[in-house]
Amino acid sequence: MFTEIFKTIRGIKPFFLLVIFFTLSLMVFDEGVALLDNPIAWRSLLIPFMACFAYGLAWGWVFFVIKASHILPQEDLANLGFLVACSVMVFALLITFSYLSNNHGSISLEIFKKPEFIYTCTLYIMSMVAFDVAAS
């Protein structure tokens, strides 16, 4: 089951995944765990509006990484876009390792229901998009 899910997710471009997870993060931030307990609620009607806002946030992130990548001259060996992407990835890894070290015996599918999981996945996807943008 998980392999099919991961194959499907792998086929989606990281930018669209970022919009999806920004939307999820906004919905969970606004509603909390109650939205994850009952996804068929009246608040779900806000998803298209939150997706539009998330689309703007995703383009803002891409624009930020592009600007960071082009601040330095072309002959400079450093790339601030990669630095931003690496920083976000390291922060997401720190959160993941901290969670795993503190909850080593209680990892289950309940983790998908926690807002922190959605936020951490959003950070991972932000770094993936930043790597893509910085490399181009």
C-alpha atoms as a PDB file:
ATOM      1  CA  MET A   1       0.000   0.000   0.000  1.00  0.00           C
ATOM      2  CA  PHE A   2       2.717   2.470   0.967  1.00  0.00           C
ATOM      3  CA  THR A   3       4.795   1.679  -2.113  1.00  0.00           C
ATOM      4  CA  GLU A   4       1.917   2.684  -4.391  1.00  0.00           C
ATOM      5  CA  ILE A   5       1.437   5.896  -2.431  1.00  0.00           C
ATOM      6  CA  PHE A   6       5.142   6.726  -2.629  1.00  0.00           C
ATOM      7  CA  LYS A   7       5.256   5.944  -6.365  1.00  0.00           C
ATOM      8  CA  THR A   8       2.358   8.319  -6.920  1.00  0.00           C
ATOM      9  CA  ILE A   9       3.932  11.046  -4.797  1.00  0.00           C
ATOM     10  CA  ARG A  10       7.281  10.589  -6.542  1.00  0.00           C
ATOM     11  CA  GLY A  11       5.597  11.317  -9.881  1.00  0.00           C
ATOM     12  CA  ILE A  12       4.277  14.694  -8.710  1.00  0.00           C
ATOM     13  CA  LYS A  13       6.507  17.718  -9.191  1.00  0.00           C
ATOM     14  CA  PRO A  14       7.876  19.113  -5.906  1.00  0.00           C
ATOM     15  CA  PHE A  15       6.300  22.526  -6.509  1.00  0.00           C
ATOM     16  CA  PHE A  16       2.804  21.043  -6.588  1.00  0.00           C
ATOM     17  CA  LEU A  17       3.569  18.975  -3.502  1.00  0.00           C
ATOM     18  CA  LEU A  18       4.648  22.197  -1.828  1.00  0.00           C
ATOM     19  CA  VAL A  19       1.315  23.820  -2.672  1.00  0.00           C
ATOM     20  CA  ILE A  20      -0.509  20.759  -1.326  1.00  0.00           C
ATOM     21  CA  PHE A  21       1.442  20.694   1.928  1.00  0.00           C
ATOM     22  CA  PHE A  22       1.234  24.470   2.354  1.00  0.00           C
ATOM     23  CA  THR A  23      -2.540  24.085   2.033  1.00  0.00           C
ATOM     24  CA  LEU A  24      -2.558  21.239   4.559  1.00  0.00           C
ATOM     25  CA  SER A  25      -0.374  23.250   6.925  1.00  0.00           C
ATOM     26  CA  LEU A  26      -2.637  26.278   6.661  1.00  0.00           C
ATOM     27  CA  MET A  27      -5.744  24.185   7.245  1.00  0.00           C
ATOM     28  CA  VAL A  28      -4.241  22.373  10.226  1.00  0.00           C
ATOM     29  CA  PHE A  29      -2.806  25.607  11.637  1.00  0.00           C
ATOM     30  CA  ASP A  30      -6.210  27.254  11.387  1.00  0.00           C
ATOM     31  CA  GLU A  31      -8.305  24.340  12.592  1.00  0.00           C
ATOM     32  CA  GLY A  32      -5.897  22.182  14.590  1.00  0.00           C
ATOM     33  CA  VAL A  33      -6.269  18.454  15.045  1.00  0.00           C
ATOM     34  CA  ALA A  34     -10.058  18.740  14.786  1.00  0.00           C
ATOM     35  CA  LEU A  35      -9.791  18.970  11.010  1.00  0.00           C
ATOM     36  CA  LEU A  36      -7.770  15.763  10.902  1.00  0.00           C
ATOM     37  CA  ASP A  37     -10.289  14.020  13.150  1.00  0.00           C
ATOM     38  CA  ASN A  38     -13.218  15.057  10.962  1.00  0.00           C
ATOM     39  CA  PRO A  39     -12.083  15.983   7.436  1.00  0.00           C
ATOM     40  CA  ILE A  40     -15.666  16.113   6.151  1.00  0.00           C
ATOM     41  CA  ALA A  41     -16.579  19.341   7.900  1.00  0.00           C
ATOM     42  CA  TRP A  42     -17.827  22.729   6.808  1.00  0.00           C
ATOM     43  CA  ARG A  43     -14.300  24.071   7.205  1.00  0.00           C
ATOM     44  CA  SER A  44     -13.264  21.874   4.287  1.00  0.00           C
ATOM     45  CA  LEU A  45     -15.060  24.296   1.995  1.00  0.00           C
ATOM     46  CA  LEU A  46     -12.153  26.674   2.598  1.00  0.00           C
ATOM     47  CA  ILE A  47      -9.690  24.342   0.863  1.00  0.00           C
ATOM     48  CA  PRO A  48      -9.842  26.105  -2.541  1.00  0.00           C
ATOM     49  CA  PHE A  49      -9.238  29.494  -0.915  1.00  0.00           C
ATOM     50  CA  MET A  50      -6.420  28.141   1.226  1.00  0.00           C
ATOM     51  CA  ALA A  51      -4.954  26.474  -1.872  1.00  0.00           C
ATOM     52  CA  CYS A  52      -4.911  29.837  -3.669  1.00  0.00           C
ATOM     53  CA  PHE A  53      -3.140  31.399  -0.709  1.00  0.00           C
ATOM     54  CA  ALA A  54      -0.750  28.429  -0.530  1.00  0.00           C
ATOM     55  CA  TYR A  55      -0.023  28.806  -4.248  1.00  0.00           C
ATOM     56  CA  GLY A  56       1.029  32.385  -3.577  1.00  0.00           C
ATOM     57  CA  LEU A  57       3.182  31.276  -0.651  1.00  0.00           C
ATOM     58  CA  ALA A  58       4.851  28.626  -2.809  1.00  0.00           C
ATOM     59  CA  TRP A  59       5.650  31.169  -5.523  1.00  0.00           C
ATOM     60  CA  GLY A  60       6.965  33.511  -2.850  1.00  0.00           C
ATOM     61  CA  TRP A  61       9.273  30.753  -1.631  1.00  0.00           C
ATOM     62  CA  VAL A  62      10.487  30.060  -5.179  1.00  0.00           C
ATOM     63  CA  PHE A  63      11.050  33.774  -5.776  1.00  0.00           C
ATOM     64  CA  PHE A  64      13.010  34.030  -2.517  1.00  0.00           C
ATOM     65  CA  VAL A  65      15.264  31.126  -3.502  1.00  0.00           C
ATOM     66  CA  ILE A  66      15.767  32.574  -6.996  1.00  0.00           C
ATOM     67  CA  LYS A  67      16.723  35.945  -5.527  1.00  0.00           C
ATOM     68  CA  ALA A  68      19.058  34.252  -3.048  1.00  0.00           C
ATOM     69  CA  SER A  69      20.668  32.284  -5.869  1.00  0.00           C
ATOM     70  CA  HIS A  70      21.300  35.354  -8.001  1.00  0.00           C
ATOM     71  CA  ILE A  71      22.559  37.752  -5.324  1.00  0.00           C
ATOM     72  CA  LEU A  72      26.149  36.663  -5.770  1.00  0.00           C
ATOM     73  CA  PRO A  73      27.993  37.165  -9.064  1.00  0.00           C
ATOM     74  CA  GLN A  74      28.207  34.280 -11.539  1.00  0.00           C
ATOM     75  CA  GLU A  75      31.956  33.785 -11.005  1.00  0.00           C
ATOM     76  CA  ASP A  76      31.434  33.274  -7.269  1.00  0.00           C
ATOM     77  CA  LEU A  77      31.560  29.642  -6.187  1.00  0.00           C
ATOM     78  CA  ALA A  78      28.958  30.027  -3.445  1.00  0.00           C
ATOM     79  CA  ASN A  79      25.219  29.767  -4.038  1.00  0.00           C
ATOM     80  CA  LEU A  80      22.875  31.170  -1.426  1.00  0.00           C
ATOM     81  CA  GLY A  81      19.954  29.178  -2.856  1.00  0.00           C
ATOM     82  CA  PHE A  82      21.676  25.935  -1.914  1.00  0.00           C
ATOM     83  CA  LEU A  83      22.528  27.397   1.481  1.00  0.00           C
ATOM     84  CA  VAL A  84      18.859  28.184   2.109  1.00  0.00           C
ATOM     85  CA  ALA A  85      17.813  24.721   0.902  1.00  0.00           C
ATOM     86  CA  CYS A  86      20.424  22.994   3.061  1.00  0.00           C
ATOM     87  CA  SER A  87      19.431  25.036   6.105  1.00  0.00           C
ATOM     88  CA  VAL A  88      15.762  24.108   5.752  1.00  0.00           C
ATOM     89  CA  MET A  89      16.655  20.445   5.195  1.00  0.00           C
ATOM     90  CA  VAL A  90      18.918  20.367   8.260  1.00  0.00           C
ATOM     91  CA  PHE A  91      16.196  21.960  10.386  1.00  0.00           C
ATOM     92  CA  ALA A  92      13.647  19.381   9.195  1.00  0.00           C
ATOM     93  CA  LEU A  93      16.112  16.563   9.891  1.00  0.00           C
ATOM     94  CA  LEU A  94      16.755  17.923  13.383  1.00  0.00           C
ATOM     95  CA  ILE A  95      13.027  17.914  14.091  1.00  0.00           C
ATOM     96  CA  THR A  96      12.708  14.369  12.745  1.00  0.00           C
ATOM     97  CA  PHE A  97      15.674  13.003  14.687  1.00  0.00           C
ATOM     98  CA  SER A  98      14.524  14.733  17.855  1.00  0.00           C
ATOM     99  CA  TYR A  99      11.073  13.191  17.519  1.00  0.00           C
ATOM    100  CA  LEU A 100      12.473   9.742  16.779  1.00  0.00           C
ATOM    101  CA  SER A 101      14.866   9.845  19.718  1.00  0.00           C
ATOM    102  CA  ASN A 102      12.148  10.972  22.129  1.00  0.00           C
ATOM    103  CA  ASN A 103       9.449   8.565  20.868  1.00  0.00           C
ATOM    104  CA  HIS A 104      11.402   5.498  19.847  1.00  0.00           C
ATOM    105  CA  GLY A 105       8.844   3.011  21.114  1.00  0.00           C
ATOM    106  CA  SER A 106       5.602   4.674  20.116  1.00  0.00           C
ATOM    107  CA  ILE A 107       5.870   5.238  16.376  1.00  0.00           C
ATOM    108  CA  SER A 108       2.683   4.233  14.604  1.00  0.00           C
ATOM    109  CA  LEU A 109       0.289   5.503  11.978  1.00  0.00           C
ATOM    110  CA  GLU A 110      -0.978   8.020  14.528  1.00  0.00           C
ATOM    111  CA  ILE A 111       1.975  10.190  13.538  1.00  0.00           C
ATOM    112  CA  PHE A 112       0.186  11.091  10.281  1.00  0.00           C
ATOM    113  CA  LYS A 113      -2.534  12.728  12.338  1.00  0.00           C
ATOM    114  CA  LYS A 114      -0.234  15.127  14.149  1.00  0.00           C
ATOM    115  CA  PRO A 115       0.121  18.679  12.828  1.00  0.00           C
ATOM    116  CA  GLU A 116       3.853  18.540  13.499  1.00  0.00           C
ATOM    117  CA  PHE A 117       4.164  15.750  10.928  1.00  0.00           C
ATOM    118  CA  ILE A 118       2.493  17.916   8.290  1.00  0.00           C
ATOM    119  CA  TYR A 119       4.709  20.878   9.163  1.00  0.00           C
ATOM    120  CA  THR A 120       7.840  18.727   8.969  1.00  0.00           C
ATOM    121  CA  CYS A 121       6.807  17.286   5.598  1.00  0.00           C
ATOM    122  CA  THR A 122       6.229  20.839   4.407  1.00  0.00           C
ATOM    123  CA  LEU A 123       9.780  21.736   5.443  1.00  0.00           C
ATOM    124  CA  TYR A 124      11.177  18.733   3.560  1.00  0.00           C
ATOM    125  CA  ILE A 125       9.283  19.686   0.424  1.00  0.00           C
ATOM    126  CA  MET A 126      10.345  23.326   0.784  1.00  0.00           C
ATOM    127  CA  SER A 127      13.953  22.176   0.749  1.00  0.00           C
ATOM    128  CA  MET A 128      13.329  19.915  -2.272  1.00  0.00           C
ATOM    129  CA  VAL A 129      11.838  22.831  -4.201  1.00  0.00           C
ATOM    130  CA  ALA A 130      14.712  25.068  -3.118  1.00  0.00           C
ATOM    131  CA  PHE A 131      17.238  22.502  -4.363  1.00  0.00           C
ATOM    132  CA  ASP A 132      15.405  22.286  -7.705  1.00  0.00           C
ATOM    133  CA  VAL A 133      15.278  26.051  -8.095  1.00  0.00           C
ATOM    134  CA  ALA A 134      18.868  26.606  -6.997  1.00  0.00           C
ATOM    135  CA  ALA A 135      20.130  23.952  -9.403  1.00  0.00           C
ATOM    136  CA  SER A 136      18.415  25.535 -12.400  1.00  0.00           C
END
